[in-house]
């Protein structure tokens, strides 16, 4: 996130808009329900660390950037399943 105060939802909404992606398309791409993406963009929930990794991969961003944007303070290795 940038230095201005913003929420993860605002950040994700901007990322999707910059890529011309709709929430339902993004949800399909990362393998989650459209309602989950909607909850993230509306600030109702934050994604899990596992979801952060999927978001980062789909948006071609470094995983630590997305993990930090979602408010997860520490960076852990990806889950093995």
PDB file of N, CA and C in Angstrom:
ATOM      1  N   UNK A   1       0.846  -1.173   0.000  1.00  0.00           N
ATOM      2  CA  UNK A   1       0.000   0.000   0.000  1.00  0.00           C
ATOM      3  C   UNK A   1       0.884   1.226   0.000  1.00  0.00           C
ATOM      4  N   UNK A   2       0.339   2.315  -0.424  1.00  0.00           N
ATOM      5  CA  UNK A   2       1.129   3.534  -0.424  1.00  0.00           C
ATOM      6  C   UNK A   2       1.120   4.150   0.961  1.00  0.00           C
ATOM      7  N   UNK A   3       1.768   5.289   1.086  1.00  0.00           N
ATOM      8  CA  UNK A   3       1.924   5.892   2.403  1.00  0.00           C
ATOM      9  C   UNK A   3       0.635   6.521   2.905  1.00  0.00           C
ATOM     10  N   UNK A   4      -0.319   6.764   2.030  1.00  0.00           N
ATOM     11  CA  UNK A   4      -1.592   7.303   2.480  1.00  0.00           C
ATOM     12  C   UNK A   4      -2.369   6.199   3.197  1.00  0.00           C
ATOM     13  N   UNK A   5      -3.199   6.623   4.132  1.00  0.00           N
ATOM     14  CA  UNK A   5      -4.018   5.677   4.870  1.00  0.00           C
ATOM     15  C   UNK A   5      -5.102   5.140   3.943  1.00  0.00           C
ATOM     16  N   UNK A   6      -5.125   3.860   3.721  1.00  0.00           N
ATOM     17  CA  UNK A   6      -6.176   3.241   2.932  1.00  0.00           C
ATOM     18  C   UNK A   6      -6.396   1.835   3.453  1.00  0.00           C
ATOM     19  N   UNK A   7      -7.542   1.300   3.113  1.00  0.00           N
ATOM     20  CA  UNK A   7      -7.868  -0.035   3.577  1.00  0.00           C
ATOM     21  C   UNK A   7      -7.439  -1.065   2.539  1.00  0.00           C
ATOM     22  N   UNK A   8      -7.388  -2.311   2.954  1.00  0.00           N
ATOM     23  CA  UNK A   8      -7.082  -3.370   2.005  1.00  0.00           C
ATOM     24  C   UNK A   8      -8.126  -3.386   0.901  1.00  0.00           C
ATOM     25  N   UNK A   9      -9.381  -3.185   1.264  1.00  0.00           N
ATOM     26  CA  UNK A   9     -10.456  -3.186   0.266  1.00  0.00           C
ATOM     27  C   UNK A   9     -10.254  -2.123  -0.791  1.00  0.00           C
ATOM     28  N   UNK A  10      -9.866  -0.929  -0.363  1.00  0.00           N
ATOM     29  CA  UNK A  10      -9.600   0.149  -1.325  1.00  0.00           C
ATOM     30  C   UNK A  10      -8.407  -0.214  -2.201  1.00  0.00           C
ATOM     31  N   UNK A  11      -7.396  -0.789  -1.589  1.00  0.00           N
ATOM     32  CA  UNK A  11      -6.198  -1.180  -2.320  1.00  0.00           C
ATOM     33  C   UNK A  11      -6.535  -2.237  -3.369  1.00  0.00           C
ATOM     34  N   UNK A  12      -7.277  -3.268  -2.961  1.00  0.00           N
ATOM     35  CA  UNK A  12      -7.630  -4.335  -3.888  1.00  0.00           C
ATOM     36  C   UNK A  12      -8.540  -3.823  -4.992  1.00  0.00           C
ATOM     37  N   UNK A  13      -9.487  -2.989  -4.641  1.00  0.00           N
ATOM     38  CA  UNK A  13     -10.376  -2.407  -5.650  1.00  0.00           C
ATOM     39  C   UNK A  13      -9.568  -1.659  -6.701  1.00  0.00           C
ATOM     40  N   UNK A  14      -8.576  -0.894  -6.264  1.00  0.00           N
ATOM     41  CA  UNK A  14      -7.730  -0.144  -7.198  1.00  0.00           C
ATOM     42  C   UNK A  14      -6.904  -1.098  -8.064  1.00  0.00           C
ATOM     43  N   UNK A  15      -6.386  -2.169  -7.463  1.00  0.00           N
ATOM     44  CA  UNK A  15      -5.600  -3.139  -8.224  1.00  0.00           C
ATOM     45  C   UNK A  15      -6.448  -3.781  -9.324  1.00  0.00           C
ATOM     46  N   UNK A  16      -7.670  -4.144  -8.980  1.00  0.00           N
ATOM     47  CA  UNK A  16      -8.556  -4.761  -9.972  1.00  0.00           C
ATOM     48  C   UNK A  16      -8.938  -3.764 -11.057  1.00  0.00           C
ATOM     49  N   UNK A  17      -9.243  -2.537 -10.671  1.00  0.00           N
ATOM     50  CA  UNK A  17      -9.613  -1.501 -11.642  1.00  0.00           C
ATOM     51  C   UNK A  17      -8.463  -1.217 -12.600  1.00  0.00           C
ATOM     52  N   UNK A  18      -7.249  -1.161 -12.078  1.00  0.00           N
ATOM     53  CA  UNK A  18      -6.079  -0.907 -12.922  1.00  0.00           C
ATOM     54  C   UNK A  18      -5.881  -2.002 -13.964  1.00  0.00           C
ATOM     55  N   UNK A  19      -6.399  -3.185 -13.669  1.00  0.00           N
ATOM     56  CA  UNK A  19      -6.245  -4.319 -14.585  1.00  0.00           C
ATOM     57  C   UNK A  19      -7.513  -4.603 -15.384  1.00  0.00           C
ATOM     58  N   UNK A  20      -8.533  -3.789 -15.163  1.00  0.00           N
ATOM     59  CA  UNK A  20      -9.801  -3.985 -15.862  1.00  0.00           C
ATOM     60  C   UNK A  20     -10.499  -5.283 -15.506  1.00  0.00           C
ATOM     61  N   UNK A  21     -10.299  -5.732 -14.268  1.00  0.00           N
ATOM     62  CA  UNK A  21     -10.887  -7.002 -13.825  1.00  0.00           C
ATOM     63  C   UNK A  21     -12.131  -6.754 -12.987  1.00  0.00           C
ATOM     64  N   UNK A  22     -13.099  -7.611 -13.169  1.00  0.00           N
ATOM     65  CA  UNK A  22     -14.299  -7.584 -12.332  1.00  0.00           C
ATOM     66  C   UNK A  22     -14.095  -8.554 -11.166  1.00  0.00           C
ATOM     67  N   UNK A  23     -14.819  -8.295 -10.094  1.00  0.00           N
ATOM     68  CA  UNK A  23     -14.646  -9.116  -8.902  1.00  0.00           C
ATOM     69  C   UNK A  23     -14.903 -10.594  -9.179  1.00  0.00           C
ATOM     70  N   UNK A  24     -15.954 -10.900  -9.922  1.00  0.00           N
ATOM     71  CA  UNK A  24     -16.276 -12.305 -10.162  1.00  0.00           C
ATOM     72  C   UNK A  24     -15.204 -12.987 -11.021  1.00  0.00           C
ATOM     73  N   UNK A  25     -14.614 -12.254 -11.955  1.00  0.00           N
ATOM     74  CA  UNK A  25     -13.530 -12.809 -12.764  1.00  0.00           C
ATOM     75  C   UNK A  25     -12.304 -13.098 -11.899  1.00  0.00           C
ATOM     76  N   UNK A  26     -12.014 -12.152 -11.024  1.00  0.00           N
ATOM     77  CA  UNK A  26     -10.878 -12.310 -10.129  1.00  0.00           C
ATOM     78  C   UNK A  26     -11.094 -13.486  -9.187  1.00  0.00           C
ATOM     79  N   UNK A  27     -12.305 -13.593  -8.650  1.00  0.00           N
ATOM     80  CA  UNK A  27     -12.631 -14.709  -7.751  1.00  0.00           C
ATOM     81  C   UNK A  27     -12.404 -16.042  -8.448  1.00  0.00           C
ATOM     82  N   UNK A  28     -12.840 -16.137  -9.680  1.00  0.00           N
ATOM     83  CA  UNK A  28     -12.656 -17.371 -10.441  1.00  0.00           C
ATOM     84  C   UNK A  28     -11.170 -17.647 -10.652  1.00  0.00           C
ATOM     85  N   UNK A  29     -10.416 -16.602 -10.955  1.00  0.00           N
ATOM     86  CA  UNK A  29      -8.989 -16.766 -11.219  1.00  0.00           C
ATOM     87  C   UNK A  29      -8.224 -17.276  -9.996  1.00  0.00           C
ATOM     88  N   UNK A  30      -8.619 -16.812  -8.802  1.00  0.00           N
ATOM     89  CA  UNK A  30      -7.895 -17.224  -7.598  1.00  0.00           C
ATOM     90  C   UNK A  30      -8.563 -18.398  -6.881  1.00  0.00           C
ATOM     91  N   UNK A  31      -9.677 -18.876  -7.419  1.00  0.00           N
ATOM     92  CA  UNK A  31     -10.320 -20.060  -6.852  1.00  0.00           C
ATOM     93  C   UNK A  31     -11.074 -19.817  -5.573  1.00  0.00           C
ATOM     94  N   UNK A  32     -11.739 -18.674  -5.493  1.00  0.00           N
ATOM     95  CA  UNK A  32     -12.538 -18.387  -4.299  1.00  0.00           C
ATOM     96  C   UNK A  32     -13.919 -17.898  -4.728  1.00  0.00           C
ATOM     97  N   UNK A  33     -14.798 -17.758  -3.771  1.00  0.00           N
ATOM     98  CA  UNK A  33     -16.156 -17.316  -4.063  1.00  0.00           C
ATOM     99  C   UNK A  33     -16.186 -15.813  -4.335  1.00  0.00           C
ATOM    100  N   UNK A  34     -17.025 -15.381  -5.265  1.00  0.00           N
ATOM    101  CA  UNK A  34     -17.173 -13.939  -5.489  1.00  0.00           C
ATOM    102  C   UNK A  34     -17.565 -13.190  -4.216  1.00  0.00           C
ATOM    103  N   UNK A  35     -18.301 -13.853  -3.333  1.00  0.00           N
ATOM    104  CA  UNK A  35     -18.699 -13.196  -2.079  1.00  0.00           C
ATOM    105  C   UNK A  35     -17.487 -12.899  -1.198  1.00  0.00           C
ATOM    106  N   UNK A  36     -16.441 -13.724  -1.281  1.00  0.00           N
ATOM    107  CA  UNK A  36     -15.220 -13.467  -0.513  1.00  0.00           C
ATOM    108  C   UNK A  36     -14.526 -12.219  -1.032  1.00  0.00           C
ATOM    109  N   UNK A  37     -14.413 -12.105  -2.349  1.00  0.00           N
ATOM    110  CA  UNK A  37     -13.780 -10.920  -2.939  1.00  0.00           C
ATOM    111  C   UNK A  37     -14.594  -9.675  -2.589  1.00  0.00           C
ATOM    112  N   UNK A  38     -15.910  -9.788  -2.643  1.00  0.00           N
ATOM    113  CA  UNK A  38     -16.773  -8.670  -2.282  1.00  0.00           C
ATOM    114  C   UNK A  38     -16.561  -8.263  -0.823  1.00  0.00           C
ATOM    115  N   UNK A  39     -16.449  -9.232   0.068  1.00  0.00           N
ATOM    116  CA  UNK A  39     -16.216  -8.939   1.488  1.00  0.00           C
ATOM    117  C   UNK A  39     -14.880  -8.239   1.674  1.00  0.00           C
ATOM    118  N   UNK A  40     -13.853  -8.641   0.919  1.00  0.00           N
ATOM    119  CA  UNK A  40     -12.544  -7.990   1.008  1.00  0.00           C
ATOM    120  C   UNK A  40     -12.618  -6.556   0.516  1.00  0.00           C
ATOM    121  N   UNK A  41     -13.240  -6.346  -0.649  1.00  0.00           N
ATOM    122  CA  UNK A  41     -13.264  -4.998  -1.229  1.00  0.00           C
ATOM    123  C   UNK A  41     -14.158  -4.057  -0.431  1.00  0.00           C
ATOM    124  N   UNK A  42     -15.136  -4.600   0.260  1.00  0.00           N
ATOM    125  CA  UNK A  42     -16.017  -3.765   1.084  1.00  0.00           C
ATOM    126  C   UNK A  42     -15.521  -3.606   2.515  1.00  0.00           C
ATOM    127  N   UNK A  43     -14.361  -4.170   2.808  1.00  0.00           N
ATOM    128  CA  UNK A  43     -13.772  -4.016   4.130  1.00  0.00           C
ATOM    129  C   UNK A  43     -14.431  -4.827   5.224  1.00  0.00           C
ATOM    130  N   UNK A  44     -15.210  -5.829   4.841  1.00  0.00           N
ATOM    131  CA  UNK A  44     -15.887  -6.646   5.843  1.00  0.00           C
ATOM    132  C   UNK A  44     -14.980  -7.733   6.399  1.00  0.00           C
ATOM    133  N   UNK A  45     -14.058  -8.193   5.572  1.00  0.00           N
ATOM    134  CA  UNK A  45     -13.116  -9.236   5.974  1.00  0.00           C
ATOM    135  C   UNK A  45     -11.778  -8.973   5.320  1.00  0.00           C
ATOM    136  N   UNK A  46     -10.749  -9.588   5.874  1.00  0.00           N
ATOM    137  CA  UNK A  46      -9.419  -9.571   5.271  1.00  0.00           C
ATOM    138  C   UNK A  46      -9.106 -10.988   4.810  1.00  0.00           C
ATOM    139  N   UNK A  47      -8.380 -11.129   3.720  1.00  0.00           N
ATOM    140  CA  UNK A  47      -8.058 -12.467   3.233  1.00  0.00           C
ATOM    141  C   UNK A  47      -7.086 -13.183   4.162  1.00  0.00           C
ATOM    142  N   UNK A  48      -7.163 -14.497   4.148  1.00  0.00           N
ATOM    143  CA  UNK A  48      -6.192 -15.302   4.882  1.00  0.00           C
ATOM    144  C   UNK A  48      -4.836 -15.167   4.203  1.00  0.00           C
ATOM    145  N   UNK A  49      -3.820 -15.630   4.868  1.00  0.00           N
ATOM    146  CA  UNK A  49      -2.483 -15.596   4.270  1.00  0.00           C
ATOM    147  C   UNK A  49      -2.460 -16.414   2.975  1.00  0.00           C
ATOM    148  N   UNK A  50      -3.102 -17.566   2.977  1.00  0.00           N
ATOM    149  CA  UNK A  50      -3.165 -18.408   1.781  1.00  0.00           C
ATOM    150  C   UNK A  50      -3.832 -17.640   0.637  1.00  0.00           C
ATOM    151  N   UNK A  51      -4.911 -16.945   0.947  1.00  0.00           N
ATOM    152  CA  UNK A  51      -5.586 -16.141  -0.081  1.00  0.00           C
ATOM    153  C   UNK A  51      -4.695 -14.999  -0.555  1.00  0.00           C
ATOM    154  N   UNK A  52      -3.921 -14.438   0.356  1.00  0.00           N
ATOM    155  CA  UNK A  52      -2.985 -13.373  -0.031  1.00  0.00           C
ATOM    156  C   UNK A  52      -1.996 -13.874  -1.078  1.00  0.00           C
ATOM    157  N   UNK A  53      -1.531 -15.102  -0.904  1.00  0.00           N
ATOM    158  CA  UNK A  53      -0.595 -15.672  -1.874  1.00  0.00           C
ATOM    159  C   UNK A  53      -1.264 -15.825  -3.240  1.00  0.00           C
ATOM    160  N   UNK A  54      -2.510 -16.280  -3.248  1.00  0.00           N
ATOM    161  CA  UNK A  54      -3.246 -16.429  -4.513  1.00  0.00           C
ATOM    162  C   UNK A  54      -3.481 -15.067  -5.158  1.00  0.00           C
ATOM    163  N   UNK A  55      -3.809 -14.075  -4.341  1.00  0.00           N
ATOM    164  CA  UNK A  55      -4.017 -12.715  -4.851  1.00  0.00           C
ATOM    165  C   UNK A  55      -2.729 -12.197  -5.480  1.00  0.00           C
ATOM    166  N   UNK A  56      -1.629 -12.359  -4.765  1.00  0.00           N
ATOM    167  CA  UNK A  56      -0.339 -11.885  -5.271  1.00  0.00           C
ATOM    168  C   UNK A  56       0.017 -12.552  -6.590  1.00  0.00           C
ATOM    169  N   UNK A  57      -0.154 -13.852  -6.655  1.00  0.00           N
ATOM    170  CA  UNK A  57       0.182 -14.585  -7.869  1.00  0.00           C
ATOM    171  C   UNK A  57      -0.694 -14.136  -9.036  1.00  0.00           C
ATOM    172  N   UNK A  58      -1.981 -13.956  -8.783  1.00  0.00           N
ATOM    173  CA  UNK A  58      -2.911 -13.550  -9.843  1.00  0.00           C
ATOM    174  C   UNK A  58      -2.632 -12.132 -10.337  1.00  0.00           C
ATOM    175  N   UNK A  59      -2.215 -11.253  -9.414  1.00  0.00           N
ATOM    176  CA  UNK A  59      -1.955  -9.859  -9.784  1.00  0.00           C
ATOM    177  C   UNK A  59      -0.500  -9.630 -10.181  1.00  0.00           C
ATOM    178  N   UNK A  60       0.283 -10.686 -10.151  1.00  0.00           N
ATOM    179  CA  UNK A  60       1.708 -10.606 -10.484  1.00  0.00           C
ATOM    180  C   UNK A  60       2.428  -9.576  -9.606  1.00  0.00           C
ATOM    181  N   UNK A  61       2.153  -9.691  -8.312  1.00  0.00           N
ATOM    182  CA  UNK A  61       2.784  -8.828  -7.317  1.00  0.00           C
ATOM    183  C   UNK A  61       3.591  -9.696  -6.359  1.00  0.00           C
ATOM    184  N   UNK A  62       4.614  -9.132  -5.733  1.00  0.00           N
ATOM    185  CA  UNK A  62       5.341  -9.901  -4.723  1.00  0.00           C
ATOM    186  C   UNK A  62       4.416 -10.269  -3.559  1.00  0.00           C
ATOM    187  N   UNK A  63       4.510 -11.488  -3.110  1.00  0.00           N
ATOM    188  CA  UNK A  63       3.655 -11.934  -2.006  1.00  0.00           C
ATOM    189  C   UNK A  63       3.758 -11.053  -0.772  1.00  0.00           C
ATOM    190  N   UNK A  64       4.964 -10.614  -0.366  1.00  0.00           N
ATOM    191  CA  UNK A  64       5.036  -9.760   0.824  1.00  0.00           C
ATOM    192  C   UNK A  64       4.244  -8.460   0.690  1.00  0.00           C
ATOM    193  N   UNK A  65       4.108  -7.940  -0.516  1.00  0.00           N
ATOM    194  CA  UNK A  65       3.339  -6.713  -0.727  1.00  0.00           C
ATOM    195  C   UNK A  65       1.876  -6.944  -0.376  1.00  0.00           C
ATOM    196  N   UNK A  66       1.327  -8.052  -0.856  1.00  0.00           N
ATOM    197  CA  UNK A  66      -0.087  -8.340  -0.604  1.00  0.00           C
ATOM    198  C   UNK A  66      -0.307  -8.721   0.851  1.00  0.00           C
ATOM    199  N   UNK A  67       0.597  -9.505   1.414  1.00  0.00           N
ATOM    200  CA  UNK A  67       0.487  -9.893   2.822  1.00  0.00           C
ATOM    201  C   UNK A  67       0.489  -8.654   3.710  1.00  0.00           C
ATOM    202  N   UNK A  68       1.377  -7.719   3.427  1.00  0.00           N
ATOM    203  CA  UNK A  68       1.434  -6.480   4.207  1.00  0.00           C
ATOM    204  C   UNK A  68       0.183  -5.644   3.996  1.00  0.00           C
ATOM    205  N   UNK A  69      -0.285  -5.563   2.761  1.00  0.00           N
ATOM    206  CA  UNK A  69      -1.495  -4.777   2.475  1.00  0.00           C
ATOM    207  C   UNK A  69      -2.696  -5.324   3.223  1.00  0.00           C
ATOM    208  N   UNK A  70      -2.726  -6.641   3.413  1.00  0.00           N
ATOM    209  CA  UNK A  70      -3.847  -7.277   4.112  1.00  0.00           C
ATOM    210  C   UNK A  70      -3.725  -7.172   5.627  1.00  0.00           C
ATOM    211  N   UNK A  71      -2.599  -6.636   6.095  1.00  0.00           N
ATOM    212  CA  UNK A  71      -2.448  -6.425   7.522  1.00  0.00           C
ATOM    213  C   UNK A  71      -1.798  -7.561   8.280  1.00  0.00           C
ATOM    214  N   UNK A  72      -1.258  -8.532   7.565  1.00  0.00           N
ATOM    215  CA  UNK A  72      -0.521  -9.605   8.220  1.00  0.00           C
ATOM    216  C   UNK A  72       0.894  -9.093   8.454  1.00  0.00           C
ATOM    217  N   UNK A  73       1.253  -8.893   9.696  1.00  0.00           N
ATOM    218  CA  UNK A  73       2.518  -8.264  10.013  1.00  0.00           C
ATOM    219  C   UNK A  73       3.747  -9.080   9.696  1.00  0.00           C
ATOM    220  N   UNK A  74       3.697 -10.370   9.943  1.00  0.00           N
ATOM    221  CA  UNK A  74       4.876 -11.189   9.713  1.00  0.00           C
ATOM    222  C   UNK A  74       4.724 -11.963   8.412  1.00  0.00           C
ATOM    223  N   UNK A  75       5.830 -12.222   7.785  1.00  0.00           N
ATOM    224  CA  UNK A  75       5.827 -12.959   6.542  1.00  0.00           C
ATOM    225  C   UNK A  75       6.277 -14.389   6.828  1.00  0.00           C
ATOM    226  N   UNK A  76       5.425 -15.320   6.499  1.00  0.00           N
ATOM    227  CA  UNK A  76       5.749 -16.734   6.715  1.00  0.00           C
ATOM    228  C   UNK A  76       5.864 -17.424   5.360  1.00  0.00           C
ATOM    229  N   UNK A  77       6.535 -18.553   5.305  1.00  0.00           N
ATOM    230  CA  UNK A  77       6.604 -19.275   4.043  1.00  0.00           C
ATOM    231  C   UNK A  77       5.225 -19.741   3.606  1.00  0.00           C
ATOM    232  N   UNK A  78       5.024 -19.955   2.326  1.00  0.00           N
ATOM    233  CA  UNK A  78       3.716 -20.397   1.857  1.00  0.00           C
ATOM    234  C   UNK A  78       3.314 -21.721   2.485  1.00  0.00           C
ATOM    235  N   UNK A  79       2.029 -21.895   2.726  1.00  0.00           N
ATOM    236  CA  UNK A  79       1.563 -23.166   3.287  1.00  0.00           C
ATOM    237  C   UNK A  79       1.786 -24.287   2.277  1.00  0.00           C
ATOM    238  N   UNK A  80       2.082 -25.468   2.772  1.00  0.00           N
ATOM    239  CA  UNK A  80       2.333 -26.595   1.886  1.00  0.00           C
ATOM    240  C   UNK A  80       1.084 -27.412   1.612  1.00  0.00           C
ATOM    241  N   UNK A  81       0.026 -27.131   2.288  1.00  0.00           N
ATOM    242  CA  UNK A  81      -1.296 -27.749   2.134  1.00  0.00           C
ATOM    243  C   UNK A  81      -1.691 -28.587   3.297  1.00  0.00           C
TER     244      UNK A  81
END
